[in-house]
């Protein structure tokens, strides 16, 4: 298990409209979870197939029951971020 970084005070989280450039990488896995915490799908991004933003949109489109999607490193499995479905 790797390190976990916690801010001492609420930072409000990432507020951008796209996935942060500093967290992009060659290979990522997107793992979708239902509101109950069950895995309901996923997608492997293999560096060039599609962007993380396109992949996240695809995972939410394919899995209407997906409430959150975790972004992880493929090589080490490190957790990078959690995205949440937004109501439109």
PDB file of N, CA and C in Angstrom:
ATOM      1  N   UNK A   1       0.841  -1.168   0.000  1.00  0.00           N
ATOM      2  CA  UNK A   1       0.000   0.000   0.000  1.00  0.00           C
ATOM      3  C   UNK A   1       0.890   1.236   0.000  1.00  0.00           C
ATOM      4  N   UNK A   2       0.499   2.229  -0.748  1.00  0.00           N
ATOM      5  CA  UNK A   2       1.270   3.466  -0.850  1.00  0.00           C
ATOM      6  C   UNK A   2       0.780   4.527   0.103  1.00  0.00           C
ATOM      7  N   UNK A   3       1.366   5.690   0.001  1.00  0.00           N
ATOM      8  CA  UNK A   3       0.987   6.779   0.901  1.00  0.00           C
ATOM      9  C   UNK A   3      -0.396   7.328   0.578  1.00  0.00           C
ATOM     10  N   UNK A   4      -1.019   7.900   1.579  1.00  0.00           N
ATOM     11  CA  UNK A   4      -2.288   8.603   1.412  1.00  0.00           C
ATOM     12  C   UNK A   4      -2.040  10.037   1.847  1.00  0.00           C
ATOM     13  N   UNK A   5      -2.389  10.970   1.002  1.00  0.00           N
ATOM     14  CA  UNK A   5      -2.180  12.379   1.309  1.00  0.00           C
ATOM     15  C   UNK A   5      -3.507  13.005   1.708  1.00  0.00           C
ATOM     16  N   UNK A   6      -3.534  13.606   2.872  1.00  0.00           N
ATOM     17  CA  UNK A   6      -4.739  14.233   3.397  1.00  0.00           C
ATOM     18  C   UNK A   6      -4.418  15.679   3.718  1.00  0.00           C
ATOM     19  N   UNK A   7      -5.244  16.589   3.255  1.00  0.00           N
ATOM     20  CA  UNK A   7      -5.049  17.996   3.576  1.00  0.00           C
ATOM     21  C   UNK A   7      -5.519  18.248   5.004  1.00  0.00           C
ATOM     22  N   UNK A   8      -4.782  19.046   5.786  1.00  0.00           N
ATOM     23  CA  UNK A   8      -5.182  19.295   7.173  1.00  0.00           C
ATOM     24  C   UNK A   8      -6.502  20.065   7.282  1.00  0.00           C
ATOM     25  N   UNK A   9      -6.845  20.808   6.227  1.00  0.00           N
ATOM     26  CA  UNK A   9      -8.115  21.546   6.204  1.00  0.00           C
ATOM     27  C   UNK A   9      -8.784  21.296   4.856  1.00  0.00           C
ATOM     28  N   UNK A  10     -10.094  21.446   4.818  1.00  0.00           N
ATOM     29  CA  UNK A  10     -10.845  21.212   3.592  1.00  0.00           C
ATOM     30  C   UNK A  10     -10.313  22.112   2.480  1.00  0.00           C
ATOM     31  N   UNK A  11      -9.927  21.489   1.367  1.00  0.00           N
ATOM     32  CA  UNK A  11      -9.408  22.260   0.232  1.00  0.00           C
ATOM     33  C   UNK A  11     -10.474  22.426  -0.850  1.00  0.00           C
ATOM     34  N   UNK A  12     -11.601  21.775  -0.687  1.00  0.00           N
ATOM     35  CA  UNK A  12     -12.674  21.886  -1.666  1.00  0.00           C
ATOM     36  C   UNK A  12     -12.527  20.953  -2.861  1.00  0.00           C
ATOM     37  N   UNK A  13     -11.362  20.307  -2.982  1.00  0.00           N
ATOM     38  CA  UNK A  13     -11.158  19.379  -4.091  1.00  0.00           C
ATOM     39  C   UNK A  13     -10.946  20.086  -5.415  1.00  0.00           C
ATOM     40  N   UNK A  14     -10.708  19.310  -6.433  1.00  0.00           N
ATOM     41  CA  UNK A  14     -10.473  19.823  -7.782  1.00  0.00           C
ATOM     42  C   UNK A  14     -11.749  20.461  -8.301  1.00  0.00           C
ATOM     43  N   UNK A  15     -11.640  21.649  -8.847  1.00  0.00           N
ATOM     44  CA  UNK A  15     -12.809  22.383  -9.328  1.00  0.00           C
ATOM     45  C   UNK A  15     -12.827  22.563 -10.837  1.00  0.00           C
ATOM     46  N   UNK A  16     -11.880  21.972 -11.550  1.00  0.00           N
ATOM     47  CA  UNK A  16     -11.820  22.124 -13.001  1.00  0.00           C
ATOM     48  C   UNK A  16     -12.898  21.345 -13.727  1.00  0.00           C
ATOM     49  N   UNK A  17     -13.001  21.604 -15.012  1.00  0.00           N
ATOM     50  CA  UNK A  17     -13.990  20.919 -15.852  1.00  0.00           C
ATOM     51  C   UNK A  17     -13.454  19.648 -16.480  1.00  0.00           C
ATOM     52  N   UNK A  18     -12.138  19.441 -16.400  1.00  0.00           N
ATOM     53  CA  UNK A  18     -11.522  18.251 -16.973  1.00  0.00           C
ATOM     54  C   UNK A  18     -10.597  17.629 -15.938  1.00  0.00           C
ATOM     55  N   UNK A  19     -10.127  16.441 -16.227  1.00  0.00           N
ATOM     56  CA  UNK A  19      -9.208  15.742 -15.334  1.00  0.00           C
ATOM     57  C   UNK A  19      -7.900  16.528 -15.266  1.00  0.00           C
ATOM     58  N   UNK A  20      -7.303  16.711 -14.076  1.00  0.00           N
ATOM     59  CA  UNK A  20      -6.078  17.521 -13.947  1.00  0.00           C
ATOM     60  C   UNK A  20      -4.921  16.984 -14.790  1.00  0.00           C
ATOM     61  N   UNK A  21      -4.280  17.857 -15.540  1.00  0.00           N
ATOM     62  CA  UNK A  21      -3.159  17.458 -16.395  1.00  0.00           C
ATOM     63  C   UNK A  21      -2.054  16.762 -15.609  1.00  0.00           C
ATOM     64  N   UNK A  22      -1.786  17.223 -14.391  1.00  0.00           N
ATOM     65  CA  UNK A  22      -0.701  16.657 -13.588  1.00  0.00           C
ATOM     66  C   UNK A  22      -0.944  15.196 -13.214  1.00  0.00           C
ATOM     67  N   UNK A  23      -2.196  14.726 -13.321  1.00  0.00           N
ATOM     68  CA  UNK A  23      -2.519  13.351 -12.927  1.00  0.00           C
ATOM     69  C   UNK A  23      -2.727  12.424 -14.119  1.00  0.00           C
ATOM     70  N   UNK A  24      -2.519  12.940 -15.300  1.00  0.00           N
ATOM     71  CA  UNK A  24      -2.673  12.097 -16.489  1.00  0.00           C
ATOM     72  C   UNK A  24      -1.476  11.160 -16.592  1.00  0.00           C
ATOM     73  N   UNK A  25      -1.651  10.059 -17.239  1.00  0.00           N
ATOM     74  CA  UNK A  25      -0.571   9.100 -17.405  1.00  0.00           C
ATOM     75  C   UNK A  25      -0.829   8.201 -18.586  1.00  0.00           C
ATOM     76  N   UNK A  26       0.119   7.358 -18.865  1.00  0.00           N
ATOM     77  CA  UNK A  26       0.012   6.489 -20.027  1.00  0.00           C
ATOM     78  C   UNK A  26      -1.096   5.448 -19.884  1.00  0.00           C
ATOM     79  N   UNK A  27      -1.173   4.811 -18.724  1.00  0.00           N
ATOM     80  CA  UNK A  27      -2.168   3.758 -18.538  1.00  0.00           C
ATOM     81  C   UNK A  27      -2.951   4.019 -17.258  1.00  0.00           C
ATOM     82  N   UNK A  28      -4.248   3.998 -17.379  1.00  0.00           N
ATOM     83  CA  UNK A  28      -5.126   4.160 -16.233  1.00  0.00           C
ATOM     84  C   UNK A  28      -6.266   3.159 -16.360  1.00  0.00           C
ATOM     85  N   UNK A  29      -6.810   2.770 -15.220  1.00  0.00           N
ATOM     86  CA  UNK A  29      -8.009   1.949 -15.221  1.00  0.00           C
ATOM     87  C   UNK A  29      -9.091   2.769 -14.534  1.00  0.00           C
ATOM     88  N   UNK A  30     -10.287   2.739 -15.127  1.00  0.00           N
ATOM     89  CA  UNK A  30     -11.449   3.427 -14.570  1.00  0.00           C
ATOM     90  C   UNK A  30     -12.366   2.344 -14.033  1.00  0.00           C
ATOM     91  N   UNK A  31     -12.676   2.406 -12.746  1.00  0.00           N
ATOM     92  CA  UNK A  31     -13.492   1.375 -12.107  1.00  0.00           C
ATOM     93  C   UNK A  31     -14.777   2.027 -11.588  1.00  0.00           C
ATOM     94  N   UNK A  32     -15.912   1.590 -12.115  1.00  0.00           N
ATOM     95  CA  UNK A  32     -17.213   2.163 -11.771  1.00  0.00           C
ATOM     96  C   UNK A  32     -17.863   1.415 -10.610  1.00  0.00           C
ATOM     97  N   UNK A  33     -18.473   2.180  -9.705  1.00  0.00           N
ATOM     98  CA  UNK A  33     -19.156   1.621  -8.532  1.00  0.00           C
ATOM     99  C   UNK A  33     -20.578   2.165  -8.449  1.00  0.00           C
ATOM    100  N   UNK A  34     -21.490   1.323  -7.992  1.00  0.00           N
ATOM    101  CA  UNK A  34     -22.868   1.753  -7.746  1.00  0.00           C
ATOM    102  C   UNK A  34     -22.911   2.560  -6.448  1.00  0.00           C
ATOM    103  N   UNK A  35     -24.057   3.154  -6.174  1.00  0.00           N
ATOM    104  CA  UNK A  35     -24.231   3.899  -4.927  1.00  0.00           C
ATOM    105  C   UNK A  35     -24.068   2.994  -3.710  1.00  0.00           C
ATOM    106  N   UNK A  36     -24.295   1.688  -3.878  1.00  0.00           N
ATOM    107  CA  UNK A  36     -24.141   0.728  -2.782  1.00  0.00           C
ATOM    108  C   UNK A  36     -22.695   0.252  -2.628  1.00  0.00           C
ATOM    109  N   UNK A  37     -21.802   0.693  -3.537  1.00  0.00           N
ATOM    110  CA  UNK A  37     -20.397   0.324  -3.439  1.00  0.00           C
ATOM    111  C   UNK A  37     -19.989  -0.913  -4.219  1.00  0.00           C
ATOM    112  N   UNK A  38     -20.884  -1.438  -5.052  1.00  0.00           N
ATOM    113  CA  UNK A  38     -20.565  -2.617  -5.862  1.00  0.00           C
ATOM    114  C   UNK A  38     -19.914  -2.198  -7.180  1.00  0.00           C
ATOM    115  N   UNK A  39     -18.918  -2.952  -7.643  1.00  0.00           N
ATOM    116  CA  UNK A  39     -18.315  -2.670  -8.943  1.00  0.00           C
ATOM    117  C   UNK A  39     -19.332  -2.996 -10.029  1.00  0.00           C
ATOM    118  N   UNK A  40     -19.558  -2.037 -10.919  1.00  0.00           N
ATOM    119  CA  UNK A  40     -20.553  -2.214 -11.982  1.00  0.00           C
ATOM    120  C   UNK A  40     -19.950  -2.053 -13.379  1.00  0.00           C
ATOM    121  N   UNK A  41     -18.647  -1.922 -13.470  1.00  0.00           N
ATOM    122  CA  UNK A  41     -18.018  -1.809 -14.776  1.00  0.00           C
ATOM    123  C   UNK A  41     -16.644  -1.192 -14.671  1.00  0.00           C
ATOM    124  N   UNK A  42     -16.005  -1.065 -15.803  1.00  0.00           N
ATOM    125  CA  UNK A  42     -14.687  -0.470 -15.822  1.00  0.00           C
ATOM    126  C   UNK A  42     -14.189  -0.314 -17.239  1.00  0.00           C
ATOM    127  N   UNK A  43     -13.046   0.343 -17.348  1.00  0.00           N
ATOM    128  CA  UNK A  43     -12.462   0.598 -18.657  1.00  0.00           C
ATOM    129  C   UNK A  43     -10.962   0.751 -18.494  1.00  0.00           C
ATOM    130  N   UNK A  44     -10.199   0.104 -19.368  1.00  0.00           N
ATOM    131  CA  UNK A  44      -8.752   0.237 -19.387  1.00  0.00           C
ATOM    132  C   UNK A  44      -8.376   1.294 -20.413  1.00  0.00           C
ATOM    133  N   UNK A  45      -7.635   2.308 -19.975  1.00  0.00           N
ATOM    134  CA  UNK A  45      -7.103   3.325 -20.879  1.00  0.00           C
ATOM    135  C   UNK A  45      -5.636   2.997 -21.088  1.00  0.00           C
ATOM    136  N   UNK A  46      -5.286   2.732 -22.317  1.00  0.00           N
ATOM    137  CA  UNK A  46      -3.954   2.218 -22.594  1.00  0.00           C
ATOM    138  C   UNK A  46      -3.075   3.227 -23.321  1.00  0.00           C
ATOM    139  N   UNK A  47      -3.144   4.484 -22.932  1.00  0.00           N
ATOM    140  CA  UNK A  47      -2.275   5.492 -23.506  1.00  0.00           C
ATOM    141  C   UNK A  47      -2.537   5.755 -24.972  1.00  0.00           C
ATOM    142  N   UNK A  48      -3.524   6.532 -25.284  1.00  0.00           N
ATOM    143  CA  UNK A  48      -3.795   6.887 -26.666  1.00  0.00           C
ATOM    144  C   UNK A  48      -5.131   6.412 -27.186  1.00  0.00           C
ATOM    145  N   UNK A  49      -5.722   5.378 -26.549  1.00  0.00           N
ATOM    146  CA  UNK A  49      -7.031   4.894 -26.998  1.00  0.00           C
ATOM    147  C   UNK A  49      -8.064   6.017 -26.910  1.00  0.00           C
ATOM    148  N   UNK A  50      -8.114   6.654 -25.768  1.00  0.00           N
ATOM    149  CA  UNK A  50      -8.985   7.803 -25.521  1.00  0.00           C
ATOM    150  C   UNK A  50      -8.440   8.532 -24.304  1.00  0.00           C
ATOM    151  N   UNK A  51      -8.834   9.771 -24.145  1.00  0.00           N
ATOM    152  CA  UNK A  51      -8.379  10.544 -22.993  1.00  0.00           C
ATOM    153  C   UNK A  51      -9.120  10.082 -21.734  1.00  0.00           C
ATOM    154  N   UNK A  52      -8.619  10.471 -20.591  1.00  0.00           N
ATOM    155  CA  UNK A  52      -9.316  10.144 -19.340  1.00  0.00           C
ATOM    156  C   UNK A  52     -10.706  10.764 -19.340  1.00  0.00           C
ATOM    157  N   UNK A  53     -10.814  12.009 -19.817  1.00  0.00           N
ATOM    158  CA  UNK A  53     -12.125  12.664 -19.857  1.00  0.00           C
ATOM    159  C   UNK A  53     -13.105  11.883 -20.741  1.00  0.00           C
ATOM    160  N   UNK A  54     -12.648  11.445 -21.905  1.00  0.00           N
ATOM    161  CA  UNK A  54     -13.500  10.643 -22.792  1.00  0.00           C
ATOM    162  C   UNK A  54     -13.842   9.307 -22.151  1.00  0.00           C
ATOM    163  N   UNK A  55     -12.859   8.693 -21.478  1.00  0.00           N
ATOM    164  CA  UNK A  55     -13.089   7.423 -20.805  1.00  0.00           C
ATOM    165  C   UNK A  55     -14.110   7.533 -19.693  1.00  0.00           C
ATOM    166  N   UNK A  56     -14.000   8.577 -18.884  1.00  0.00           N
ATOM    167  CA  UNK A  56     -14.979   8.781 -17.803  1.00  0.00           C
ATOM    168  C   UNK A  56     -16.381   8.959 -18.376  1.00  0.00           C
ATOM    169  N   UNK A  57     -16.508   9.767 -19.416  1.00  0.00           N
ATOM    170  CA  UNK A  57     -17.820   9.970 -20.045  1.00  0.00           C
ATOM    171  C   UNK A  57     -18.372   8.645 -20.569  1.00  0.00           C
ATOM    172  N   UNK A  58     -17.503   7.818 -21.154  1.00  0.00           N
ATOM    173  CA  UNK A  58     -17.917   6.516 -21.690  1.00  0.00           C
ATOM    174  C   UNK A  58     -18.369   5.570 -20.584  1.00  0.00           C
ATOM    175  N   UNK A  59     -17.624   5.531 -19.476  1.00  0.00           N
ATOM    176  CA  UNK A  59     -17.997   4.646 -18.361  1.00  0.00           C
ATOM    177  C   UNK A  59     -19.356   5.049 -17.797  1.00  0.00           C
ATOM    178  N   UNK A  60     -19.582   6.343 -17.589  1.00  0.00           N
ATOM    179  CA  UNK A  60     -20.883   6.788 -17.071  1.00  0.00           C
ATOM    180  C   UNK A  60     -22.001   6.532 -18.089  1.00  0.00           C
ATOM    181  N   UNK A  61     -21.710   6.676 -19.383  1.00  0.00           N
ATOM    182  CA  UNK A  61     -22.724   6.425 -20.420  1.00  0.00           C
ATOM    183  C   UNK A  61     -23.110   4.953 -20.452  1.00  0.00           C
ATOM    184  N   UNK A  62     -22.114   4.067 -20.379  1.00  0.00           N
ATOM    185  CA  UNK A  62     -22.350   2.618 -20.439  1.00  0.00           C
ATOM    186  C   UNK A  62     -23.008   2.052 -19.191  1.00  0.00           C
ATOM    187  N   UNK A  63     -22.797   2.700 -18.056  1.00  0.00           N
ATOM    188  CA  UNK A  63     -23.237   2.165 -16.760  1.00  0.00           C
ATOM    189  C   UNK A  63     -24.144   3.168 -16.056  1.00  0.00           C
ATOM    190  N   UNK A  64     -25.436   3.186 -16.400  1.00  0.00           N
ATOM    191  CA  UNK A  64     -26.340   4.159 -15.786  1.00  0.00           C
ATOM    192  C   UNK A  64     -26.412   4.037 -14.261  1.00  0.00           C
ATOM    193  N   UNK A  65     -26.091   2.855 -13.715  1.00  0.00           N
ATOM    194  CA  UNK A  65     -26.117   2.671 -12.261  1.00  0.00           C
ATOM    195  C   UNK A  65     -24.825   3.141 -11.590  1.00  0.00           C
ATOM    196  N   UNK A  66     -23.820   3.539 -12.371  1.00  0.00           N
ATOM    197  CA  UNK A  66     -22.552   4.003 -11.796  1.00  0.00           C
ATOM    198  C   UNK A  66     -22.753   5.341 -11.091  1.00  0.00           C
ATOM    199  N   UNK A  67     -22.427   5.363  -9.813  1.00  0.00           N
ATOM    200  CA  UNK A  67     -22.521   6.588  -9.029  1.00  0.00           C
ATOM    201  C   UNK A  67     -21.166   7.278  -8.919  1.00  0.00           C
ATOM    202  N   UNK A  68     -20.103   6.485  -8.876  1.00  0.00           N
ATOM    203  CA  UNK A  68     -18.742   7.017  -8.792  1.00  0.00           C
ATOM    204  C   UNK A  68     -17.822   6.182  -9.681  1.00  0.00           C
ATOM    205  N   UNK A  69     -16.735   6.801 -10.116  1.00  0.00           N
ATOM    206  CA  UNK A  69     -15.710   6.091 -10.870  1.00  0.00           C
ATOM    207  C   UNK A  69     -14.363   6.429 -10.247  1.00  0.00           C
ATOM    208  N   UNK A  70     -13.591   5.394  -9.938  1.00  0.00           N
ATOM    209  CA  UNK A  70     -12.234   5.572  -9.427  1.00  0.00           C
ATOM    210  C   UNK A  70     -11.255   5.513 -10.586  1.00  0.00           C
ATOM    211  N   UNK A  71     -10.273   6.400 -10.555  1.00  0.00           N
ATOM    212  CA  UNK A  71      -9.179   6.404 -11.528  1.00  0.00           C
ATOM    213  C   UNK A  71      -7.965   5.835 -10.807  1.00  0.00           C
ATOM    214  N   UNK A  72      -7.345   4.812 -11.398  1.00  0.00           N
ATOM    215  CA  UNK A  72      -6.194   4.155 -10.789  1.00  0.00           C
ATOM    216  C   UNK A  72      -5.080   3.970 -11.810  1.00  0.00           C
ATOM    217  N   UNK A  73      -3.868   3.882 -11.305  1.00  0.00           N
ATOM    218  CA  UNK A  73      -2.712   3.527 -12.119  1.00  0.00           C
ATOM    219  C   UNK A  73      -2.806   2.046 -12.462  1.00  0.00           C
ATOM    220  N   UNK A  74      -2.474   1.680 -13.682  1.00  0.00           N
ATOM    221  CA  UNK A  74      -2.502   0.281 -14.074  1.00  0.00           C
ATOM    222  C   UNK A  74      -1.326  -0.480 -13.468  1.00  0.00           C
ATOM    223  N   UNK A  75      -0.137   0.090 -13.558  1.00  0.00           N
ATOM    224  CA  UNK A  75       1.068  -0.632 -13.140  1.00  0.00           C
ATOM    225  C   UNK A  75       1.064  -0.949 -11.653  1.00  0.00           C
ATOM    226  N   UNK A  76       0.804   0.033 -10.801  1.00  0.00           N
ATOM    227  CA  UNK A  76       0.867  -0.188  -9.355  1.00  0.00           C
ATOM    228  C   UNK A  76      -0.501  -0.255  -8.690  1.00  0.00           C
ATOM    229  N   UNK A  77      -1.558   0.079  -9.421  1.00  0.00           N
ATOM    230  CA  UNK A  77      -2.904   0.045  -8.855  1.00  0.00           C
ATOM    231  C   UNK A  77      -3.215   1.211  -7.940  1.00  0.00           C
ATOM    232  N   UNK A  78      -2.343   2.218  -7.930  1.00  0.00           N
ATOM    233  CA  UNK A  78      -2.535   3.364  -7.027  1.00  0.00           C
ATOM    234  C   UNK A  78      -3.811   4.117  -7.363  1.00  0.00           C
ATOM    235  N   UNK A  79      -4.538   4.487  -6.335  1.00  0.00           N
ATOM    236  CA  UNK A  79      -5.741   5.301  -6.462  1.00  0.00           C
ATOM    237  C   UNK A  79      -5.327   6.729  -6.770  1.00  0.00           C
ATOM    238  N   UNK A  80      -5.934   7.334  -7.791  1.00  0.00           N
ATOM    239  CA  UNK A  80      -5.629   8.713  -8.157  1.00  0.00           C
ATOM    240  C   UNK A  80      -6.759   9.660  -7.800  1.00  0.00           C
ATOM    241  N   UNK A  81      -7.979   9.265  -8.118  1.00  0.00           N
ATOM    242  CA  UNK A  81      -9.094  10.190  -7.922  1.00  0.00           C
ATOM    243  C   UNK A  81     -10.414   9.438  -7.953  1.00  0.00           C
ATOM    244  N   UNK A  82     -11.417  10.087  -7.390  1.00  0.00           N
ATOM    245  CA  UNK A  82     -12.783   9.589  -7.472  1.00  0.00           C
ATOM    246  C   UNK A  82     -13.618  10.666  -8.140  1.00  0.00           C
ATOM    247  N   UNK A  83     -14.381  10.273  -9.141  1.00  0.00           N
ATOM    248  CA  UNK A  83     -15.312  11.210  -9.781  1.00  0.00           C
ATOM    249  C   UNK A  83     -16.724  10.762  -9.423  1.00  0.00           C
ATOM    250  N   UNK A  84     -17.634  11.696  -9.386  1.00  0.00           N
ATOM    251  CA  UNK A  84     -19.030  11.385  -9.041  1.00  0.00           C
ATOM    252  C   UNK A  84     -19.952  11.833 -10.154  1.00  0.00           C
ATOM    253  N   UNK A  85     -20.974  11.022 -10.390  1.00  0.00           N
ATOM    254  CA  UNK A  85     -21.964  11.382 -11.400  1.00  0.00           C
ATOM    255  C   UNK A  85     -22.672  12.653 -10.950  1.00  0.00           C
ATOM    256  N   UNK A  86     -22.837  13.565 -11.881  1.00  0.00           N
ATOM    257  CA  UNK A  86     -23.544  14.802 -11.567  1.00  0.00           C
ATOM    258  C   UNK A  86     -24.922  14.765 -12.190  1.00  0.00           C
ATOM    259  N   UNK A  87     -25.864  15.387 -11.522  1.00  0.00           N
ATOM    260  CA  UNK A  87     -27.214  15.466 -12.045  1.00  0.00           C
ATOM    261  C   UNK A  87     -27.273  16.619 -13.052  1.00  0.00           C
ATOM    262  N   UNK A  88     -27.912  16.374 -14.176  1.00  0.00           N
ATOM    263  CA  UNK A  88     -28.025  17.432 -15.196  1.00  0.00           C
ATOM    264  C   UNK A  88     -29.450  17.828 -15.341  1.00  0.00           C
TER     265      UNK A  88
END
